[in-house]
Amino acid sequence: MKPTLLILAAGMGSRYGGLKQIDKFGPSGESIIDYSIYDAIKAGFKKVVFIVRESFLEDIKAIYEPRLQGKAELVFVTQDISDIPDDIAVNPERTKPWGTAHAVLVAKDVIEDPFAVINGDDYYGHTAFETLIDYFDQCMDEGIDDEYSMIAYYLSNTLSDHGTVNRGICHKTDGYLDKIVETLKISKSSDAGDGSYDLDGQQHSLSPETLVSMNMFGFFPDFFDLTEAYFRDFLKNRGMELKSEFFIPFVLDQMIQTGTKKLRVLESDSQWFGVTYQEDKPLVMEKINALIQSKQYPESLWNQV
């Protein structure tokens, strides 16, 4: 088995003002992606697949091929708006790619083993990758083939000290996801990590242990065939729209509601953080430096693996 890390890195970074995928956050020029790859390799992932756009493929290759040489198998796949079934007509004026589930689909020819999916601009922490490796091992050992998994974070580890955030609140039964409720403008209420949000003029509180999705998933290769069928239906219904998007949560919800697959909720106690705007960069650099000071990472990642 060659557990694979699939990194969604095809975003253009319009709100950030540049390519977050290659921006430097660590003391030796590391990106956020570098820390995810480092954690994944240490946890037992053997292969890394980047989903990127053709326009910056060579820039990404120039950085990550030297860094990962001899450390993990590395593959690059480009996401393009034209990567759709030939027999389905879509709006010829569309310029926007088809979303995260489509980005996963374009990797179908290069992944043959269990794989994790992450965003390229988010920091997930080492325990999340270790949890997924343990999950893959269990499923393979016990012949479990009717489920996938998601990593859920404690709300307290995802809140911001500098404003409100939107989070997908996870509701589960017996360890499996029932639904994700998108909850807007959650603010940090105390140092303990309590959260609060306004709904119809009423304030509601959230426990620090509330589980939230940060778009980290564990799949098996049959995900591709199942998702391809959903994608065909999606294009038939919404392919003429200029901005419709085929998201991973949409696909998973369809699988859950039809009984095709279950989604096991795996809890992680890691601290999560991400970067959306240039203003986020100093805070992210501060958090990475704190992790280095606490000896969770060396100052120079790729001299250590």
C-alpha atoms as a PDB file:
ATOM      1  CA  MET A   1       0.000   0.000   0.000  1.00  0.00           C
ATOM      2  CA  LYS A   2       1.263   3.467  -0.936  1.00  0.00           C
ATOM      3  CA  PRO A   3      -0.824   5.999   1.035  1.00  0.00           C
ATOM      4  CA  THR A   4      -1.089   9.177  -1.027  1.00  0.00           C
ATOM      5  CA  LEU A   5      -1.432  12.824  -0.090  1.00  0.00           C
ATOM      6  CA  LEU A   6      -3.525  14.771  -2.611  1.00  0.00           C
ATOM      7  CA  ILE A   7      -2.988  18.523  -2.316  1.00  0.00           C
ATOM      8  CA  LEU A   8      -5.550  20.879  -3.828  1.00  0.00           C
ATOM      9  CA  ALA A   9      -3.341  23.746  -4.975  1.00  0.00           C
ATOM     10  CA  ALA A  10      -5.040  25.017  -8.119  1.00  0.00           C
ATOM     11  CA  GLY A  11      -6.379  28.228  -6.553  1.00  0.00           C
ATOM     12  CA  MET A  12      -5.241  31.497  -8.092  1.00  0.00           C
ATOM     13  CA  GLY A  13      -4.943  33.355  -4.787  1.00  0.00           C
ATOM     14  CA  SER A  14      -6.961  36.344  -5.994  1.00  0.00           C
ATOM     15  CA  ARG A  15      -7.886  37.433  -2.464  1.00  0.00           C
ATOM     16  CA  TYR A  16      -4.315  36.857  -1.296  1.00  0.00           C
ATOM     17  CA  GLY A  17      -2.761  38.811  -4.129  1.00  0.00           C
ATOM     18  CA  GLY A  18      -0.457  36.038  -5.296  1.00  0.00           C
ATOM     19  CA  LEU A  19       0.254  32.319  -5.168  1.00  0.00           C
ATOM     20  CA  LYS A  20      -0.114  31.169  -1.569  1.00  0.00           C
ATOM     21  CA  GLN A  21       1.150  27.768  -2.671  1.00  0.00           C
ATOM     22  CA  ILE A  22       4.711  29.054  -2.976  1.00  0.00           C
ATOM     23  CA  ASP A  23       4.773  31.952  -0.531  1.00  0.00           C
ATOM     24  CA  LYS A  24       7.345  31.668   2.252  1.00  0.00           C
ATOM     25  CA  PHE A  25       6.144  31.283   5.836  1.00  0.00           C
ATOM     26  CA  GLY A  26       8.891  29.249   7.518  1.00  0.00           C
ATOM     27  CA  PRO A  27      12.396  30.452   8.479  1.00  0.00           C
ATOM     28  CA  SER A  28      14.027  28.513   5.644  1.00  0.00           C
ATOM     29  CA  GLY A  29      11.525  29.560   2.996  1.00  0.00           C
ATOM     30  CA  GLU A  30       8.939  26.845   3.673  1.00  0.00           C
ATOM     31  CA  SER A  31       5.364  27.248   2.487  1.00  0.00           C
ATOM     32  CA  ILE A  32       2.345  25.998   4.434  1.00  0.00           C
ATOM     33  CA  ILE A  33       2.270  23.050   2.029  1.00  0.00           C
ATOM     34  CA  ASP A  34       5.777  22.089   3.110  1.00  0.00           C
ATOM     35  CA  TYR A  35       4.617  21.525   6.675  1.00  0.00           C
ATOM     36  CA  SER A  36       1.713  19.348   5.529  1.00  0.00           C
ATOM     37  CA  ILE A  37       4.002  17.241   3.344  1.00  0.00           C
ATOM     38  CA  TYR A  38       6.569  16.934   6.134  1.00  0.00           C
ATOM     39  CA  ASP A  39       3.896  15.757   8.587  1.00  0.00           C
ATOM     40  CA  ALA A  40       2.407  13.370   6.022  1.00  0.00           C
ATOM     41  CA  ILE A  41       5.741  11.720   5.207  1.00  0.00           C
ATOM     42  CA  LYS A  42       6.550  11.268   8.891  1.00  0.00           C
ATOM     43  CA  ALA A  43       3.109   9.701   9.411  1.00  0.00           C
ATOM     44  CA  GLY A  44       3.658   7.162   6.618  1.00  0.00           C
ATOM     45  CA  PHE A  45       2.430   8.695   3.364  1.00  0.00           C
ATOM     46  CA  LYS A  46       4.592   7.553   0.455  1.00  0.00           C
ATOM     47  CA  LYS A  47       3.293   9.592  -2.464  1.00  0.00           C
ATOM     48  CA  VAL A  48       2.358  13.244  -2.983  1.00  0.00           C
ATOM     49  CA  VAL A  49       0.074  14.441  -5.774  1.00  0.00           C
ATOM     50  CA  PHE A  50      -0.314  18.147  -6.516  1.00  0.00           C
ATOM     51  CA  ILE A  51      -3.401  19.449  -8.316  1.00  0.00           C
ATOM     52  CA  VAL A  52      -2.355  22.741  -9.934  1.00  0.00           C
ATOM     53  CA  ARG A  53      -3.147  24.946 -12.900  1.00  0.00           C
ATOM     54  CA  GLU A  54      -1.120  24.751 -16.078  1.00  0.00           C
ATOM     55  CA  SER A  55      -0.205  28.441 -15.772  1.00  0.00           C
ATOM     56  CA  PHE A  56       1.958  27.898 -12.702  1.00  0.00           C
ATOM     57  CA  LEU A  57       2.866  24.213 -13.032  1.00  0.00           C
ATOM     58  CA  GLU A  58       6.530  24.869 -13.774  1.00  0.00           C
ATOM     59  CA  ASP A  59       6.866  27.278 -10.829  1.00  0.00           C
ATOM     60  CA  ILE A  60       5.494  24.651  -8.434  1.00  0.00           C
ATOM     61  CA  LYS A  61       7.670  21.913  -9.905  1.00  0.00           C
ATOM     62  CA  ALA A  62      10.812  24.014  -9.594  1.00  0.00           C
ATOM     63  CA  ILE A  63      10.255  24.346  -5.856  1.00  0.00           C
ATOM     64  CA  TYR A  64       8.939  20.962  -4.770  1.00  0.00           C
ATOM     65  CA  GLU A  65      10.812  18.528  -7.003  1.00  0.00           C
ATOM     66  CA  PRO A  66      14.210  19.329  -5.421  1.00  0.00           C
ATOM     67  CA  ARG A  67      12.759  19.423  -1.900  1.00  0.00           C
ATOM     68  CA  LEU A  68      11.066  16.031  -2.121  1.00  0.00           C
ATOM     69  CA  GLN A  69      13.626  14.155  -4.186  1.00  0.00           C
ATOM     70  CA  GLY A  70      14.233  10.810  -2.491  1.00  0.00           C
ATOM     71  CA  LYS A  71      11.646  11.511   0.201  1.00  0.00           C
ATOM     72  CA  ALA A  72       8.367  10.622  -1.532  1.00  0.00           C
ATOM     73  CA  GLU A  73       7.029   9.880  -4.996  1.00  0.00           C
ATOM     74  CA  LEU A  74       5.865  13.166  -6.504  1.00  0.00           C
ATOM     75  CA  VAL A  75       3.243  13.667  -9.227  1.00  0.00           C
ATOM     76  CA  PHE A  76       1.744  16.841 -10.695  1.00  0.00           C
ATOM     77  CA  VAL A  77      -1.686  16.949 -12.332  1.00  0.00           C
ATOM     78  CA  THR A  78      -3.310  20.029 -13.854  1.00  0.00           C
ATOM     79  CA  GLN A  79      -6.957  20.980 -13.361  1.00  0.00           C
ATOM     80  CA  ASP A  80      -8.530  22.510 -16.425  1.00  0.00           C
ATOM     81  CA  ILE A  81     -12.048  23.577 -17.223  1.00  0.00           C
ATOM     82  CA  SER A  82     -11.991  21.249 -20.253  1.00  0.00           C
ATOM     83  CA  ASP A  83     -11.520  18.103 -18.121  1.00  0.00           C
ATOM     84  CA  ILE A  84     -15.122  16.967 -18.535  1.00  0.00           C
ATOM     85  CA  PRO A  85     -16.941  14.150 -20.373  1.00  0.00           C
ATOM     86  CA  ASP A  86     -16.930  14.700 -24.148  1.00  0.00           C
ATOM     87  CA  ASP A  87     -20.639  14.046 -24.548  1.00  0.00           C
ATOM     88  CA  ILE A  88     -21.902  16.767 -22.205  1.00  0.00           C
ATOM     89  CA  ALA A  89     -22.379  20.353 -23.373  1.00  0.00           C
ATOM     90  CA  VAL A  90     -21.462  23.209 -21.016  1.00  0.00           C
ATOM     91  CA  ASN A  91     -21.487  26.989 -21.266  1.00  0.00           C
ATOM     92  CA  PRO A  92     -18.664  27.930 -23.680  1.00  0.00           C
ATOM     93  CA  GLU A  93     -18.205  31.273 -21.913  1.00  0.00           C
ATOM     94  CA  ARG A  94     -17.336  29.700 -18.571  1.00  0.00           C
ATOM     95  CA  THR A  95     -13.794  30.452 -17.301  1.00  0.00           C
ATOM     96  CA  LYS A  96     -13.982  29.150 -13.719  1.00  0.00           C
ATOM     97  CA  PRO A  97     -12.868  25.552 -12.928  1.00  0.00           C
ATOM     98  CA  TRP A  98     -15.432  23.138 -11.571  1.00  0.00           C
ATOM     99  CA  GLY A  99     -14.545  23.035  -7.857  1.00  0.00           C
ATOM    100  CA  THR A 100     -12.842  20.775  -5.327  1.00  0.00           C
ATOM    101  CA  ALA A 101     -14.542  17.481  -6.203  1.00  0.00           C
ATOM    102  CA  HIS A 102     -13.600  18.017  -9.842  1.00  0.00           C
ATOM    103  CA  ALA A 103     -10.025  18.754  -8.749  1.00  0.00           C
ATOM    104  CA  VAL A 104      -9.912  15.370  -7.023  1.00  0.00           C
ATOM    105  CA  LEU A 105     -11.339  13.666 -10.109  1.00  0.00           C
ATOM    106  CA  VAL A 106      -8.508  14.828 -12.357  1.00  0.00           C
ATOM    107  CA  ALA A 107      -6.119  12.699 -10.265  1.00  0.00           C
ATOM    108  CA  LYS A 108      -7.988   9.449 -10.977  1.00  0.00           C
ATOM    109  CA  ASP A 109      -5.277   8.071 -13.289  1.00  0.00           C
ATOM    110  CA  VAL A 110      -2.401   8.593 -10.825  1.00  0.00           C
ATOM    111  CA  ILE A 111      -3.876   7.306  -7.542  1.00  0.00           C
ATOM    112  CA  GLU A 112      -4.369   3.598  -6.856  1.00  0.00           C
ATOM    113  CA  ASP A 113      -4.181   3.514  -3.057  1.00  0.00           C
ATOM    114  CA  PRO A 114      -5.897   5.124  -0.048  1.00  0.00           C
ATOM    115  CA  PHE A 115      -5.484   8.885  -0.179  1.00  0.00           C
ATOM    116  CA  ALA A 116      -5.922  11.996   1.914  1.00  0.00           C
ATOM    117  CA  VAL A 117      -7.236  15.252   0.457  1.00  0.00           C
ATOM    118  CA  ILE A 118      -6.162  18.606   1.893  1.00  0.00           C
ATOM    119  CA  ASN A 119      -6.216  22.271   0.919  1.00  0.00           C
ATOM    120  CA  GLY A 120      -2.868  23.719  -0.065  1.00  0.00           C
ATOM    121  CA  ASP A 121      -3.300  26.871   2.025  1.00  0.00           C
ATOM    122  CA  ASP A 122      -4.253  25.248   5.359  1.00  0.00           C
ATOM    123  CA  TYR A 123      -2.141  23.913   8.212  1.00  0.00           C
ATOM    124  CA  TYR A 124      -3.567  20.690   9.661  1.00  0.00           C
ATOM    125  CA  GLY A 125      -1.023  19.430  12.217  1.00  0.00           C
ATOM    126  CA  HIS A 126       0.796  16.113  12.470  1.00  0.00           C
ATOM    127  CA  THR A 127      -1.822  14.169  14.463  1.00  0.00           C
ATOM    128  CA  ALA A 128      -4.348  14.550  11.634  1.00  0.00           C
ATOM    129  CA  PHE A 129      -2.077  12.704   9.204  1.00  0.00           C
ATOM    130  CA  GLU A 130      -1.241  10.033  11.768  1.00  0.00           C
ATOM    131  CA  THR A 131      -4.965   9.528  12.409  1.00  0.00           C
ATOM    132  CA  LEU A 132      -5.639   8.973   8.705  1.00  0.00           C
ATOM    133  CA  ILE A 133      -2.796   6.461   8.350  1.00  0.00           C
ATOM    134  CA  ASP A 134      -4.205   4.498  11.291  1.00  0.00           C
ATOM    135  CA  TYR A 135      -7.659   4.648   9.681  1.00  0.00           C
ATOM    136  CA  PHE A 136      -6.376   3.357   6.331  1.00  0.00           C
ATOM    137  CA  ASP A 137      -4.532   0.516   8.068  1.00  0.00           C
ATOM    138  CA  GLN A 138      -7.645  -0.478  10.008  1.00  0.00           C
ATOM    139  CA  CYS A 139      -9.846  -0.483   6.915  1.00  0.00           C
ATOM    140  CA  MET A 140      -7.356  -2.570   4.961  1.00  0.00           C
ATOM    141  CA  ASP A 141      -6.851  -5.036   7.833  1.00  0.00           C
ATOM    142  CA  GLU A 142     -10.574  -5.455   8.509  1.00  0.00           C
ATOM    143  CA  GLY A 143     -11.793  -5.311   4.913  1.00  0.00           C
ATOM    144  CA  ILE A 144     -13.932  -2.202   5.508  1.00  0.00           C
ATOM    145  CA  ASP A 145     -15.140  -0.913   2.148  1.00  0.00           C
ATOM    146  CA  ASP A 146     -18.432   0.897   2.805  1.00  0.00           C
ATOM    147  CA  GLU A 147     -17.078   4.159   4.192  1.00  0.00           C
ATOM    148  CA  TYR A 148     -14.714   7.091   3.876  1.00  0.00           C
ATOM    149  CA  SER A 149     -13.515   9.457   6.582  1.00  0.00           C
ATOM    150  CA  MET A 150     -13.106  13.085   7.498  1.00  0.00           C
ATOM    151  CA  ILE A 151     -10.878  14.745  10.057  1.00  0.00           C
ATOM    152  CA  ALA A 152     -12.865  16.887  12.498  1.00  0.00           C
ATOM    153  CA  TYR A 153     -11.238  19.609  14.578  1.00  0.00           C
ATOM    154  CA  TYR A 154     -12.268  21.011  17.921  1.00  0.00           C
ATOM    155  CA  LEU A 155     -13.765  24.450  17.441  1.00  0.00           C
ATOM    156  CA  SER A 156     -11.379  25.942  19.999  1.00  0.00           C
ATOM    157  CA  ASN A 157      -8.445  24.997  17.746  1.00  0.00           C
ATOM    158  CA  THR A 158      -9.851  26.796  14.705  1.00  0.00           C
ATOM    159  CA  LEU A 159     -11.080  30.152  16.026  1.00  0.00           C
ATOM    160  CA  SER A 160      -9.416  33.476  15.345  1.00  0.00           C
ATOM    161  CA  ASP A 161      -8.398  36.098  17.882  1.00  0.00           C
ATOM    162  CA  HIS A 162      -8.903  38.757  15.222  1.00  0.00           C
ATOM    163  CA  GLY A 163     -12.457  38.351  13.987  1.00  0.00           C
ATOM    164  CA  THR A 164     -15.265  35.980  13.141  1.00  0.00           C
ATOM    165  CA  VAL A 165     -14.999  32.765  11.138  1.00  0.00           C
ATOM    166  CA  ASN A 166     -17.387  30.470   9.266  1.00  0.00           C
ATOM    167  CA  ARG A 167     -17.290  26.796  10.197  1.00  0.00           C
ATOM    168  CA  GLY A 168     -19.048  23.606   9.156  1.00  0.00           C
ATOM    169  CA  ILE A 169     -20.453  22.174  12.395  1.00  0.00           C
ATOM    170  CA  CYS A 170     -20.465  18.368  12.311  1.00  0.00           C
ATOM    171  CA  HIS A 171     -23.390  16.333  13.596  1.00  0.00           C
ATOM    172  CA  LYS A 172     -22.706  12.617  13.987  1.00  0.00           C
ATOM    173  CA  THR A 173     -24.323   9.398  15.215  1.00  0.00           C
ATOM    174  CA  ASP A 174     -22.231   6.474  16.455  1.00  0.00           C
ATOM    175  CA  GLY A 175     -19.099   8.029  15.004  1.00  0.00           C
ATOM    176  CA  TYR A 176     -20.522   8.659  11.507  1.00  0.00           C
ATOM    177  CA  LEU A 177     -21.500  11.978   9.986  1.00  0.00           C
ATOM    178  CA  ASP A 178     -25.185  12.838   9.682  1.00  0.00           C
ATOM    179  CA  LYS A 179     -24.771  16.349   8.318  1.00  0.00           C
ATOM    180  CA  ILE A 180     -22.600  19.447   8.297  1.00  0.00           C
ATOM    181  CA  VAL A 181     -24.282  22.735   9.174  1.00  0.00           C
ATOM    182  CA  GLU A 182     -22.487  25.778   7.802  1.00  0.00           C
ATOM    183  CA  THR A 183     -22.441  28.292  10.651  1.00  0.00           C
ATOM    184  CA  LEU A 184     -21.470  31.890   9.926  1.00  0.00           C
ATOM    185  CA  LYS A 185     -19.603  34.551  11.870  1.00  0.00           C
ATOM    186  CA  ILE A 186     -18.493  32.543  14.901  1.00  0.00           C
ATOM    187  CA  SER A 187     -16.557  34.680  17.341  1.00  0.00           C
ATOM    188  CA  LYS A 188     -14.238  33.598  20.117  1.00  0.00           C
ATOM    189  CA  SER A 189     -15.971  34.137  23.462  1.00  0.00           C
ATOM    190  CA  SER A 190     -13.196  33.320  25.932  1.00  0.00           C
ATOM    191  CA  ASP A 191      -9.640  32.067  26.289  1.00  0.00           C
ATOM    192  CA  ALA A 192     -11.104  28.581  26.734  1.00  0.00           C
ATOM    193  CA  GLY A 193     -12.120  28.621  23.093  1.00  0.00           C
ATOM    194  CA  ASP A 194     -15.884  28.942  23.453  1.00  0.00           C
ATOM    195  CA  GLY A 195     -17.636  30.231  20.362  1.00  0.00           C
ATOM    196  CA  SER A 196     -20.770  32.268  19.803  1.00  0.00           C
ATOM    197  CA  TYR A 197     -22.798  33.226  16.771  1.00  0.00           C
ATOM    198  CA  ASP A 198     -25.908  35.205  15.959  1.00  0.00           C
ATOM    199  CA  LEU A 199     -28.960  33.540  14.425  1.00  0.00           C
ATOM    200  CA  ASP A 200     -32.148  35.515  13.832  1.00  0.00           C
ATOM    201  CA  GLY A 201     -31.046  38.106  16.359  1.00  0.00           C
ATOM    202  CA  GLN A 202     -30.339  35.561  19.088  1.00  0.00           C
ATOM    203  CA  GLN A 203     -26.882  34.718  20.422  1.00  0.00           C
ATOM    204  CA  HIS A 204     -26.016  31.010  20.536  1.00  0.00           C
ATOM    205  CA  SER A 205     -23.044  29.471  22.294  1.00  0.00           C
ATOM    206  CA  LEU A 206     -20.801  26.656  21.103  1.00  0.00           C
ATOM    207  CA  SER A 207     -18.653  24.385  23.252  1.00  0.00           C
ATOM    208  CA  PRO A 208     -14.880  24.411  22.655  1.00  0.00           C
ATOM    209  CA  GLU A 209     -15.213  20.682  21.863  1.00  0.00           C
ATOM    210  CA  THR A 210     -17.709  21.271  19.047  1.00  0.00           C
ATOM    211  CA  LEU A 211     -16.475  19.340  16.012  1.00  0.00           C
ATOM    212  CA  VAL A 212     -15.945  21.236  12.761  1.00  0.00           C
ATOM    213  CA  SER A 213     -14.860  20.228   9.275  1.00  0.00           C
ATOM    214  CA  MET A 214     -11.774  21.879   7.800  1.00  0.00           C
ATOM    215  CA  ASN A 215     -11.876  20.000   4.491  1.00  0.00           C
ATOM    216  CA  MET A 216      -9.487  17.141   5.236  1.00  0.00           C
ATOM    217  CA  PHE A 217     -10.728  13.761   4.045  1.00  0.00           C
ATOM    218  CA  GLY A 218      -9.632  10.147   3.717  1.00  0.00           C
ATOM    219  CA  PHE A 219     -10.786   8.275   0.609  1.00  0.00           C
ATOM    220  CA  PHE A 220     -10.221   5.020  -1.265  1.00  0.00           C
ATOM    221  CA  PRO A 221      -9.807   4.692  -5.053  1.00  0.00           C
ATOM    222  CA  ASP A 222     -13.460   3.755  -5.640  1.00  0.00           C
ATOM    223  CA  PHE A 223     -14.202   7.401  -4.815  1.00  0.00           C
ATOM    224  CA  PHE A 224     -13.277   8.281  -8.401  1.00  0.00           C
ATOM    225  CA  ASP A 225     -15.860   6.119 -10.168  1.00  0.00           C
ATOM    226  CA  LEU A 226     -18.615   7.111  -7.747  1.00  0.00           C
ATOM    227  CA  THR A 227     -17.806  10.807  -8.031  1.00  0.00           C
ATOM    228  CA  GLU A 228     -17.556  10.688 -11.805  1.00  0.00           C
ATOM    229  CA  ALA A 229     -21.198   9.591 -11.963  1.00  0.00           C
ATOM    230  CA  TYR A 230     -22.235  12.489  -9.703  1.00  0.00           C
ATOM    231  CA  PHE A 231     -20.193  14.874 -11.841  1.00  0.00           C
ATOM    232  CA  ARG A 232     -22.007  13.843 -15.001  1.00  0.00           C
ATOM    233  CA  ASP A 233     -25.358  14.565 -13.330  1.00  0.00           C
ATOM    234  CA  PHE A 234     -24.021  17.867 -12.012  1.00  0.00           C
ATOM    235  CA  LEU A 235     -22.919  18.996 -15.472  1.00  0.00           C
ATOM    236  CA  LYS A 236     -26.228  18.012 -17.037  1.00  0.00           C
ATOM    237  CA  ASN A 237     -28.107  20.071 -14.440  1.00  0.00           C
ATOM    238  CA  ARG A 238     -25.762  23.002 -13.874  1.00  0.00           C
ATOM    239  CA  GLY A 239     -23.181  22.929 -16.634  1.00  0.00           C
ATOM    240  CA  MET A 240     -24.612  26.007 -18.310  1.00  0.00           C
ATOM    241  CA  GLU A 241     -24.035  28.144 -15.211  1.00  0.00           C
ATOM    242  CA  LEU A 242     -20.934  30.324 -15.233  1.00  0.00           C
ATOM    243  CA  LYS A 243     -20.035  29.934 -11.556  1.00  0.00           C
ATOM    244  CA  SER A 244     -21.542  26.643 -10.332  1.00  0.00           C
ATOM    245  CA  GLU A 245     -19.051  24.503  -8.389  1.00  0.00           C
ATOM    246  CA  PHE A 246     -18.824  20.782  -7.749  1.00  0.00           C
ATOM    247  CA  PHE A 247     -17.677  20.591  -4.118  1.00  0.00           C
ATOM    248  CA  ILE A 248     -16.474  17.589  -2.097  1.00  0.00           C
ATOM    249  CA  PRO A 249     -19.109  18.112   0.672  1.00  0.00           C
ATOM    250  CA  PHE A 250     -21.846  17.992  -1.987  1.00  0.00           C
ATOM    251  CA  VAL A 251     -20.583  14.619  -3.228  1.00  0.00           C
ATOM    252  CA  LEU A 252     -20.283  13.207   0.295  1.00  0.00           C
ATOM    253  CA  ASP A 253     -23.756  14.372   1.214  1.00  0.00           C
ATOM    254  CA  GLN A 254     -25.135  12.574  -1.833  1.00  0.00           C
ATOM    255  CA  MET A 255     -23.327   9.391  -0.837  1.00  0.00           C
ATOM    256  CA  ILE A 256     -24.599   9.575   2.743  1.00  0.00           C
ATOM    257  CA  GLN A 257     -28.188  10.362   1.797  1.00  0.00           C
ATOM    258  CA  THR A 258     -28.358   7.503  -0.724  1.00  0.00           C
ATOM    259  CA  GLY A 259     -26.625   5.024   1.599  1.00  0.00           C
ATOM    260  CA  THR A 260     -23.781   4.552  -0.880  1.00  0.00           C
ATOM    261  CA  LYS A 261     -21.099   5.310   1.709  1.00  0.00           C
ATOM    262  CA  LYS A 262     -20.788   6.291   5.341  1.00  0.00           C
ATOM    263  CA  LEU A 263     -18.392   8.991   6.506  1.00  0.00           C
ATOM    264  CA  ARG A 264     -16.509   8.218   9.674  1.00  0.00           C
ATOM    265  CA  VAL A 265     -15.692  11.258  11.807  1.00  0.00           C
ATOM    266  CA  LEU A 266     -12.097  11.112  13.098  1.00  0.00           C
ATOM    267  CA  GLU A 267     -11.213  13.658  15.752  1.00  0.00           C
ATOM    268  CA  SER A 268      -7.929  15.557  15.761  1.00  0.00           C
ATOM    269  CA  ASP A 269      -6.593  17.666  18.616  1.00  0.00           C
ATOM    270  CA  SER A 270      -4.242  19.561  16.285  1.00  0.00           C
ATOM    271  CA  GLN A 271      -4.304  23.329  15.948  1.00  0.00           C
ATOM    272  CA  TRP A 272      -5.597  24.388  12.535  1.00  0.00           C
ATOM    273  CA  PHE A 273      -4.853  27.660  10.788  1.00  0.00           C
ATOM    274  CA  GLY A 274      -5.047  28.949   7.246  1.00  0.00           C
ATOM    275  CA  VAL A 275      -4.251  31.915   5.073  1.00  0.00           C
ATOM    276  CA  THR A 276      -6.713  33.821   2.897  1.00  0.00           C
ATOM    277  CA  TYR A 277      -5.451  37.406   2.820  1.00  0.00           C
ATOM    278  CA  GLN A 278      -1.996  39.002   2.907  1.00  0.00           C
ATOM    279  CA  GLU A 279      -2.938  40.315   6.354  1.00  0.00           C
ATOM    280  CA  ASP A 280      -2.999  36.694   7.576  1.00  0.00           C
ATOM    281  CA  LYS A 281       0.659  36.117   6.767  1.00  0.00           C
ATOM    282  CA  PRO A 282       2.301  37.623   9.891  1.00  0.00           C
ATOM    283  CA  LEU A 283       0.013  35.614  12.187  1.00  0.00           C
ATOM    284  CA  VAL A 284       0.708  32.379  10.304  1.00  0.00           C
ATOM    285  CA  MET A 285       4.443  33.021  10.463  1.00  0.00           C
ATOM    286  CA  GLU A 286       4.128  33.665  14.191  1.00  0.00           C
ATOM    287  CA  LYS A 287       2.295  30.373  14.728  1.00  0.00           C
ATOM    288  CA  ILE A 288       4.828  28.408  12.700  1.00  0.00           C
ATOM    289  CA  ASN A 289       7.674  30.002  14.647  1.00  0.00           C
ATOM    290  CA  ALA A 290       5.974  28.981  17.905  1.00  0.00           C
ATOM    291  CA  LEU A 291       5.763  25.387  16.663  1.00  0.00           C
ATOM    292  CA  ILE A 292       9.473  25.488  15.858  1.00  0.00           C
ATOM    293  CA  GLN A 293      10.294  26.924  19.276  1.00  0.00           C
ATOM    294  CA  SER A 294       8.337  24.086  20.902  1.00  0.00           C
ATOM    295  CA  LYS A 295      10.463  21.599  18.899  1.00  0.00           C
ATOM    296  CA  GLN A 296       7.581  20.285  16.791  1.00  0.00           C
ATOM    297  CA  TYR A 297       9.522  21.211  13.667  1.00  0.00           C
ATOM    298  CA  PRO A 298      13.177  21.867  12.865  1.00  0.00           C
ATOM    299  CA  GLU A 299      14.111  25.290  11.511  1.00  0.00           C
ATOM    300  CA  SER A 300      14.917  23.734   8.144  1.00  0.00           C
ATOM    301  CA  LEU A 301      12.414  20.999   7.257  1.00  0.00           C
ATOM    302  CA  TRP A 302      14.021  19.241   4.355  1.00  0.00           C
ATOM    303  CA  ASN A 303      17.419  18.689   5.911  1.00  0.00           C
ATOM    304  CA  GLN A 304      15.704  16.508   8.521  1.00  0.00           C
ATOM    305  CA  VAL A 305      13.501  13.971   6.707  1.00  0.00           C
END
